[in-house]
C-alpha atoms as a PDB file:
ATOM      1  CA  MET A   1      19.401 -77.033  69.531  1.00  0.00           C
ATOM      2  CA  VAL A   2      22.027 -76.082  71.682  1.00  0.00           C
ATOM      3  CA  LEU A   3      22.530 -79.560  73.051  1.00  0.00           C
ATOM      4  CA  ALA A   4      22.892 -80.644  69.175  1.00  0.00           C
ATOM      5  CA  ALA A   5      25.355 -78.750  68.806  1.00  0.00           C
ATOM      6  CA  ALA A   6      27.301 -79.274  71.391  1.00  0.00           C
ATOM      7  CA  LEU A   7      26.623 -83.589  70.042  1.00  0.00           C
ATOM      8  CA  ALA A   8      27.849 -83.227  67.189  1.00  0.00           C
ATOM      9  CA  ALA A   9      31.385 -81.555  68.258  1.00  0.00           C
ATOM     10  CA  CYS A  10      31.545 -84.376  70.235  1.00  0.00           C
ATOM     11  CA  VAL A  11      31.645 -86.560  66.891  1.00  0.00           C
ATOM     12  CA  PRO A  12      34.633 -87.082  65.102  1.00  0.00           C
ATOM     13  CA  ALA A  13      35.311 -86.214  61.614  1.00  0.00           C
ATOM     14  CA  PRO A  14      34.713 -89.043  58.941  1.00  0.00           C
ATOM     15  CA  LYS A  15      38.284 -89.591  57.453  1.00  0.00           C
ATOM     16  CA  ALA A  16      38.999 -89.158  54.181  1.00  0.00           C
ATOM     17  CA  PRO A  17      40.105 -92.498  52.285  1.00  0.00           C
ATOM     18  CA  PRO A  18      43.884 -92.624  51.489  1.00  0.00           C
ATOM     19  CA  ARG A  19      44.922 -90.526  48.352  1.00  0.00           C
ATOM     20  CA  PRO A  20      46.327 -93.072  45.525  1.00  0.00           C
ATOM     21  CA  ALA A  21      49.784 -93.071  44.683  1.00  0.00           C
ATOM     22  CA  GLY A  22      51.408 -91.903  41.708  1.00  0.00           C
ATOM     23  CA  PRO A  23      49.604 -89.112  39.622  1.00  0.00           C
ATOM     24  CA  PRO A  24      46.620 -89.207  39.015  1.00  0.00           C
ATOM     25  CA  PRO A  25      45.029 -90.278  35.496  1.00  0.00           C
ATOM     26  CA  ALA A  26      43.953 -88.560  32.475  1.00  0.00           C
ATOM     27  CA  PRO A  27      40.876 -87.128  31.554  1.00  0.00           C
ATOM     28  CA  ALA A  28      39.037 -88.791  29.004  1.00  0.00           C
ATOM     29  CA  ALA A  29      38.912 -86.411  26.648  1.00  0.00           C
ATOM     30  CA  PHE A  30      42.479 -86.222  26.498  1.00  0.00           C
ATOM     31  CA  MET A  31      43.366 -89.261  25.306  1.00  0.00           C
ATOM     32  CA  LEU A  32      43.716 -90.374  22.436  1.00  0.00           C
ATOM     33  CA  PRO A  33      41.892 -93.207  20.534  1.00  0.00           C
ATOM     34  CA  GLU A  34      43.363 -96.279  19.243  1.00  0.00           C
ATOM     35  CA  ILE A  35      44.862 -95.702  16.238  1.00  0.00           C
ATOM     36  CA  ASP A  36      47.871 -98.083  13.808  1.00  0.00           C
ATOM     37  CA  ILE A  37      50.785 -95.866  14.472  1.00  0.00           C
ATOM     38  CA  ASP A  38      52.698 -97.784  11.510  1.00  0.00           C
ATOM     39  CA  THR A  39      50.085 -96.663   8.747  1.00  0.00           C
ATOM     40  CA  SER A  40      49.564 -93.481   9.997  1.00  0.00           C
ATOM     41  CA  LEU A  41      52.788 -92.830  10.016  1.00  0.00           C
ATOM     42  CA  ALA A  42      54.025 -94.316   6.823  1.00  0.00           C
ATOM     43  CA  ALA A  43      50.955 -92.172   5.514  1.00  0.00           C
ATOM     44  CA  VAL A  44      52.898 -88.768   7.317  1.00  0.00           C
ATOM     45  CA  PHE A  45      56.317 -89.792   5.291  1.00  0.00           C
ATOM     46  CA  ALA A  46      54.853 -90.854   1.675  1.00  0.00           C
ATOM     47  CA  SER A  47      52.699 -86.975   1.709  1.00  0.00           C
ATOM     48  CA  SER A  48      56.734 -85.206   2.282  1.00  0.00           C
ATOM     49  CA  GLU A  49      59.572 -85.226   0.133  1.00  0.00           C
ATOM     50  CA  SER A  50      62.167 -85.941   2.998  1.00  0.00           C
ATOM     51  CA  PRO A  51      64.275 -88.767   2.253  1.00  0.00           C
ATOM     52  CA  GLY A  52      63.667 -89.843   5.299  1.00  0.00           C
ATOM     53  CA  MET A  53      62.499 -89.491   8.814  1.00  0.00           C
ATOM     54  CA  VAL A  54      62.181 -90.889  12.437  1.00  0.00           C
ATOM     55  CA  ALA A  55      59.096 -90.528  14.245  1.00  0.00           C
ATOM     56  CA  ALA A  56      58.185 -90.969  18.231  1.00  0.00           C
ATOM     57  CA  VAL A  57      54.391 -91.105  19.264  1.00  0.00           C
ATOM     58  CA  VAL A  58      54.166 -90.874  22.680  1.00  0.00           C
ATOM     59  CA  GLN A  59      50.823 -92.337  24.656  1.00  0.00           C
ATOM     60  CA  GLY A  60      50.180 -92.675  27.983  1.00  0.00           C
ATOM     61  CA  ASP A  61      53.514 -94.761  29.674  1.00  0.00           C
ATOM     62  CA  LYS A  62      54.614 -96.542  25.861  1.00  0.00           C
ATOM     63  CA  VAL A  63      56.513 -94.797  23.565  1.00  0.00           C
ATOM     64  CA  THR A  64      56.626 -95.599  19.933  1.00  0.00           C
ATOM     65  CA  VAL A  65      59.752 -94.587  17.819  1.00  0.00           C
ATOM     66  CA  ARG A  66      59.800 -95.744  13.652  1.00  0.00           C
ATOM     67  CA  GLY A  67      61.618 -95.033  11.491  1.00  0.00           C
ATOM     68  CA  PHE A  68      61.325 -94.029   7.959  1.00  0.00           C
ATOM     69  CA  GLY A  69      63.245 -94.307   3.704  1.00  0.00           C
ATOM     70  CA  ARG A  70      67.693 -93.691   4.596  1.00  0.00           C
ATOM     71  CA  MET A  71      69.571 -91.745   6.149  1.00  0.00           C
ATOM     72  CA  GLY A  72      70.219 -89.244   3.413  1.00  0.00           C
ATOM     73  CA  PRO A  73      71.449 -89.581  -0.212  1.00  0.00           C
ATOM     74  CA  LYS A  74      74.465 -92.116  -0.139  1.00  0.00           C
ATOM     75  CA  ASP A  75      73.250 -93.869   2.916  1.00  0.00           C
ATOM     76  CA  ASP A  76      70.447 -96.280   2.244  1.00  0.00           C
ATOM     77  CA  ARG A  77      70.621 -97.123   6.369  1.00  0.00           C
ATOM     78  CA  VAL A  78      66.929 -96.551   7.673  1.00  0.00           C
ATOM     79  CA  PRO A  79      66.926 -94.477  10.113  1.00  0.00           C
ATOM     80  CA  ASP A  80      66.224 -95.294  13.761  1.00  0.00           C
ATOM     81  CA  ALA A  81      65.582 -94.404  17.645  1.00  0.00           C
ATOM     82  CA  ARG A  82      69.286 -93.790  17.658  1.00  0.00           C
ATOM     83  CA  THR A  83      69.698 -91.747  14.890  1.00  0.00           C
ATOM     84  CA  ILE A  84      70.727 -88.226  15.267  1.00  0.00           C
ATOM     85  CA  VAL A  85      69.148 -85.594  14.026  1.00  0.00           C
ATOM     86  CA  ARG A  86      70.082 -82.314  12.959  1.00  0.00           C
ATOM     87  CA  LEU A  87      67.267 -79.851  13.463  1.00  0.00           C
ATOM     88  CA  GLU A  88      69.154 -76.938  12.517  1.00  0.00           C
ATOM     89  CA  SER A  89      65.983 -74.227  12.040  1.00  0.00           C
ATOM     90  CA  LEU A  90      63.220 -76.551  13.663  1.00  0.00           C
ATOM     91  CA  SER A  91      62.789 -75.135  16.469  1.00  0.00           C
ATOM     92  CA  LYS A  92      61.995 -71.810  14.021  1.00  0.00           C
ATOM     93  CA  LEU A  93      59.037 -74.463  13.390  1.00  0.00           C
ATOM     94  CA  LEU A  94      58.165 -76.232  16.241  1.00  0.00           C
ATOM     95  CA  THR A  95      57.910 -72.569  18.370  1.00  0.00           C
ATOM     96  CA  SER A  96      55.166 -70.602  16.037  1.00  0.00           C
ATOM     97  CA  GLN A  97      53.270 -74.090  15.901  1.00  0.00           C
ATOM     98  CA  LEU A  98      53.030 -73.645  19.755  1.00  0.00           C
ATOM     99  CA  LEU A  99      52.458 -69.648  19.467  1.00  0.00           C
ATOM    100  CA  VAL A 100      49.249 -70.300  16.542  1.00  0.00           C
ATOM    101  CA  SER A 101      48.140 -73.184  18.844  1.00  0.00           C
ATOM    102  CA  LEU A 102      48.230 -70.570  22.019  1.00  0.00           C
ATOM    103  CA  ALA A 103      46.032 -67.525  19.984  1.00  0.00           C
END
C-alpha cells in the first residue's frame, strides 16, 4: 500500500486543457429567441402615444437600432441612431423598473 502511494506521488498530474480566449459563452437560459425586431419595435411604437421613438436591441455582439415616427410636431424627419434624445425624467422610470425587478 505504501509502495502504491509512493508510485502515485511520482506520476505527474495531468495538465488542464488550455482556456479559450475571450469571455465564456452565455448560458442557454440567457439567450434570447430569434424575433422579428422590426415588427416587435413597430408594435411597441404603435401602442405608444409618442410622436417618435428610437430603440436599440443588443443580442450578443449584434446591435440593432431603429427609429420610428418623427422628430417632433414640426419636424417630419425620422429619428435614428444619431438622434440626441433628452432623457428628462426617464432616469426615474429606469430606476423604479430596476428596483421592481430586484424585488
